[in-house]
């Protein structure tokens, strides 16, 4: 007799890589450096998570900017998001009209010692992050500037013995840890908690993040 193993609950993630990230990221890095240099003039004035030394969080209107590099990234990201949604939502398979996207978009500039605490993104459906620059993380530190998603099923560790302490993917109870690379896009449900570990490196770690939600229009 063969036991059929299957997943009853799962968290959908989407991953994509920009086909030509180098020239786009060079322009985005130059622009984000200019905006970060404005300091309080472009910093998020009401952060919901503690902003440590070494972290700059921008205003939440980045994709509304007119610069060509921003609009090229915006078009590609929204296209990848649409493909992701069509893949996991049967009702979206034909890409029906009548839905309008709303969003918040911002960037993080992280230098040596910067990190971002545990949080999620309420009042949105899908979130994501695009890596512009990884900041040349030092190999002397493990989980250096990593994006970490703690296991969302908190009761999974209620009782641990040798038969469930170490399970294979996707049944593991461990955190999901990612080291983003330039040009990489990650999509995930907005409710999912996550954080970024302290970054150690000689350069800047730059990411562009977003929240999205959709509404029907006439």
Protein backbone atom coordinates (compact mmCIF):
# COMPACT_ATOMS: atom_id res chain seq x y z
CA UNK A 1 0.00 0.00 0.00
CA UNK A 2 1.35 3.44 -1.00
CA UNK A 3 0.67 6.52 1.12
CA UNK A 4 -0.33 9.57 -0.90
CA UNK A 5 1.40 12.68 0.52
CA UNK A 6 -0.15 16.04 -0.35
CA UNK A 7 -0.38 19.64 0.87
CA UNK A 8 -3.68 20.85 2.26
CA UNK A 9 -2.53 24.42 2.98
CA UNK A 10 0.06 26.41 1.07
CA UNK A 11 1.36 29.98 0.75
CA UNK A 12 1.84 31.12 -2.86
CA UNK A 13 5.06 32.89 -3.78
CA UNK A 14 6.07 34.23 -7.17
CA UNK A 15 9.65 34.67 -8.34
CA UNK A 16 10.94 36.27 -11.50
CA UNK A 17 14.17 37.73 -12.87
CA UNK A 18 14.37 40.78 -15.07
CA UNK A 19 15.77 39.79 -18.48
CA UNK A 20 18.24 42.71 -18.63
CA UNK A 21 18.67 44.06 -15.11
CA UNK A 22 22.11 45.70 -15.33
CA UNK A 23 21.27 48.88 -17.32
CA UNK A 24 17.92 49.32 -15.58
CA UNK A 25 19.41 48.86 -12.11
CA UNK A 26 22.21 51.33 -12.87
CA UNK A 27 19.61 54.02 -13.60
CA UNK A 28 17.50 53.06 -10.58
CA UNK A 29 20.54 53.15 -8.30
CA UNK A 30 21.48 56.64 -9.50
CA UNK A 31 17.92 57.88 -8.97
CA UNK A 32 17.47 56.34 -5.52
CA UNK A 33 20.82 57.78 -4.42
CA UNK A 34 19.62 61.24 -5.46
CA UNK A 35 16.33 60.82 -3.61
CA UNK A 36 17.99 59.43 -0.50
CA UNK A 37 20.29 62.47 -0.48
CA UNK A 38 17.19 64.65 0.00
CA UNK A 39 16.94 63.18 3.50
CA UNK A 40 13.76 64.24 5.28
CA UNK A 41 12.52 65.70 1.99
CA UNK A 42 11.83 62.21 0.66
CA UNK A 43 11.91 60.00 3.75
CA UNK A 44 8.72 58.27 4.90
CA UNK A 45 7.50 60.67 7.62
CA UNK A 46 5.37 58.07 9.44
CA UNK A 47 7.15 54.70 9.49
CA UNK A 48 5.23 51.85 11.10
CA UNK A 49 8.40 49.92 11.96
CA UNK A 50 11.45 51.24 13.82
CA UNK A 51 13.96 52.82 11.45
CA UNK A 52 17.47 51.91 12.67
CA UNK A 53 20.72 53.62 11.77
CA UNK A 54 21.73 52.52 8.30
CA UNK A 55 18.20 52.28 6.86
CA UNK A 56 16.42 54.84 4.69
CA UNK A 57 12.76 54.28 3.77
CA UNK A 58 11.30 56.54 1.10
CA UNK A 59 7.87 58.02 0.61
CA UNK A 60 5.30 55.55 -0.76
CA UNK A 61 4.86 57.03 -4.25
CA UNK A 62 7.87 55.67 -6.14
CA UNK A 63 6.02 54.15 -9.12
CA UNK A 64 4.21 57.47 -9.67
CA UNK A 65 7.51 59.11 -10.59
CA UNK A 66 7.96 60.05 -14.28
CA UNK A 67 11.56 58.88 -14.76
CA UNK A 68 11.81 56.34 -17.63
CA UNK A 69 13.65 53.78 -15.50
CA UNK A 70 10.85 53.85 -12.91
CA UNK A 71 8.17 53.43 -15.55
CA UNK A 72 10.07 50.58 -17.24
CA UNK A 73 10.34 48.76 -13.92
CA UNK A 74 6.69 49.49 -13.12
CA UNK A 75 5.50 48.02 -16.42
CA UNK A 76 7.56 44.87 -16.01
CA UNK A 77 6.59 44.33 -12.35
CA UNK A 78 2.87 44.78 -13.01
CA UNK A 79 3.12 42.36 -15.92
CA UNK A 80 4.81 39.73 -13.74
CA UNK A 81 2.25 40.28 -10.99
CA UNK A 82 -0.61 39.78 -13.46
CA UNK A 83 0.95 36.53 -14.70
CA UNK A 84 1.38 35.34 -11.10
CA UNK A 85 -2.28 36.06 -10.27
CA UNK A 86 -3.52 34.37 -13.45
CA UNK A 87 -1.47 31.31 -12.54
CA UNK A 88 -2.94 30.83 -9.06
CA UNK A 89 -6.47 32.25 -9.51
CA UNK A 90 -8.65 30.33 -12.01
CA UNK A 91 -11.08 33.25 -12.18
CA UNK A 92 -8.33 35.49 -13.54
CA UNK A 93 -7.24 33.08 -16.29
CA UNK A 94 -8.77 35.22 -19.04
CA UNK A 95 -7.49 38.47 -17.50
CA UNK A 96 -11.01 39.98 -17.22
CA UNK A 97 -11.48 43.69 -17.63
CA UNK A 98 -12.97 45.86 -14.97
CA UNK A 99 -10.20 45.58 -12.38
CA UNK A 100 -8.04 48.54 -11.42
CA UNK A 101 -4.79 48.21 -9.52
CA UNK A 102 -4.01 50.47 -6.56
CA UNK A 103 -0.59 50.47 -4.96
CA UNK A 104 1.99 51.85 -2.59
CA UNK A 105 5.61 51.71 -3.77
CA UNK A 106 8.79 52.73 -1.99
CA UNK A 107 12.48 51.91 -1.73
CA UNK A 108 14.83 50.93 1.06
CA UNK A 109 18.44 52.09 1.12
CA UNK A 110 20.32 49.88 3.55
CA UNK A 111 23.91 50.46 4.59
CA UNK A 112 26.16 48.58 7.01
CA UNK A 113 24.19 47.71 10.17
CA UNK A 114 20.76 48.45 8.75
CA UNK A 115 17.85 46.04 9.13
CA UNK A 116 14.05 45.98 9.09
CA UNK A 117 11.94 44.46 11.86
CA UNK A 118 9.12 41.96 11.67
CA UNK A 119 5.94 43.23 10.01
CA UNK A 120 3.33 42.51 7.39
CA UNK A 121 1.36 44.70 4.98
CA UNK A 122 -2.29 44.98 6.09
CA UNK A 123 -5.02 46.37 3.84
CA UNK A 124 -3.41 44.97 0.68
CA UNK A 125 -3.68 41.69 -1.22
CA UNK A 126 -0.27 41.17 -2.82
CA UNK A 127 3.14 42.56 -1.98
CA UNK A 128 6.55 42.26 -3.54
CA UNK A 129 10.15 43.35 -3.54
CA UNK A 130 12.60 43.97 -6.38
CA UNK A 131 16.34 43.96 -5.78
CA UNK A 132 18.31 46.80 -7.37
CA UNK A 133 21.63 46.17 -5.57
CA UNK A 134 22.68 43.59 -3.00
CA UNK A 135 25.38 45.82 -1.45
CA UNK A 136 28.18 43.24 -1.74
CA UNK A 137 27.31 41.43 1.51
CA UNK A 138 30.30 40.36 3.59
CA UNK A 139 30.86 36.57 3.51
CA UNK A 140 31.86 36.72 7.20
CA UNK A 141 28.19 36.85 8.28
CA UNK A 142 25.48 34.27 7.75
CA UNK A 143 21.97 35.43 6.82
CA UNK A 144 23.47 38.76 5.83
CA UNK A 145 20.68 41.16 4.85
CA UNK A 146 18.41 38.18 4.25
CA UNK A 147 14.68 38.46 3.68
CA UNK A 148 13.11 36.10 6.22
CA UNK A 149 9.55 34.74 6.31
CA UNK A 150 8.86 32.98 9.63
CA UNK A 151 6.63 29.93 9.34
CA UNK A 152 3.05 31.29 9.46
CA UNK A 153 1.51 28.19 11.06
CA UNK A 154 2.39 29.05 14.63
CA UNK A 155 0.88 25.88 16.10
CA UNK A 156 3.08 23.68 13.91
CA UNK A 157 5.74 23.64 16.64
CA UNK A 158 3.32 22.96 19.49
CA UNK A 159 4.83 19.49 19.96
CA UNK A 160 8.15 18.37 18.51
CA UNK A 161 9.67 14.90 18.53
CA UNK A 162 12.14 13.08 16.23
CA UNK A 163 9.43 12.37 13.63
CA UNK A 164 8.48 16.00 12.96
CA UNK A 165 11.49 18.05 14.03
CA UNK A 166 13.04 17.97 10.54
CA UNK A 167 10.72 17.74 7.55
CA UNK A 168 11.44 18.10 3.85
CA UNK A 169 10.29 21.08 1.83
CA UNK A 170 7.50 22.23 1.70
CA UNK A 171 6.52 20.61 5.00
CA UNK A 172 9.40 22.04 7.01
CA UNK A 173 8.58 24.19 10.03
CA UNK A 174 11.68 26.32 9.47
CA UNK A 175 11.76 29.91 8.26
CA UNK A 176 11.90 30.67 4.55
CA UNK A 177 15.12 32.67 4.03
CA UNK A 178 16.10 34.46 0.82
CA UNK A 179 19.21 36.38 -0.22
CA UNK A 180 17.90 38.61 -2.99
CA UNK A 181 20.05 39.17 -6.08
CA UNK A 182 19.99 42.19 -8.42
CA UNK A 183 17.15 41.83 -10.91
CA UNK A 184 15.20 39.39 -8.74
CA UNK A 185 11.50 39.98 -8.04
CA UNK A 186 9.63 38.21 -5.25
CA UNK A 187 5.82 38.27 -4.90
CA UNK A 188 3.91 37.12 -1.81
CA UNK A 189 0.59 37.58 0.04
CA UNK A 190 0.49 40.85 1.96
CA UNK A 191 -0.65 39.18 5.18
CA UNK A 192 2.55 37.15 5.45
CA UNK A 193 4.92 38.38 8.17
CA UNK A 194 8.59 38.95 7.32
CA UNK A 195 11.72 40.88 8.27
CA UNK A 196 15.22 41.69 6.99
CA UNK A 197 18.27 40.66 9.02
CA UNK A 198 21.11 43.14 9.72
CA UNK A 199 23.14 43.90 6.62
CA UNK A 200 26.94 43.92 6.71
CA UNK A 201 28.76 45.12 3.63
CA UNK A 202 30.74 47.96 2.03
CA UNK A 203 28.04 49.25 -0.31
CA UNK A 204 24.31 49.95 -0.41
CA UNK A 205 21.59 47.30 -0.43
CA UNK A 206 18.74 48.80 -2.46
CA UNK A 207 15.30 47.26 -2.84
CA UNK A 208 12.02 48.54 -4.22
CA UNK A 209 8.90 47.24 -2.47
CA UNK A 210 5.19 47.53 -3.12
CA UNK A 211 1.72 46.72 -1.86
CA UNK A 212 -1.16 46.19 -4.27
CA UNK A 213 -4.90 45.75 -4.09
CA UNK A 214 -7.53 45.61 -6.79
CA UNK A 215 -10.99 47.09 -7.14
CA UNK A 216 -13.72 46.74 -9.71
CA UNK A 217 -14.48 49.72 -11.91
CA UNK A 218 -17.43 50.36 -14.17
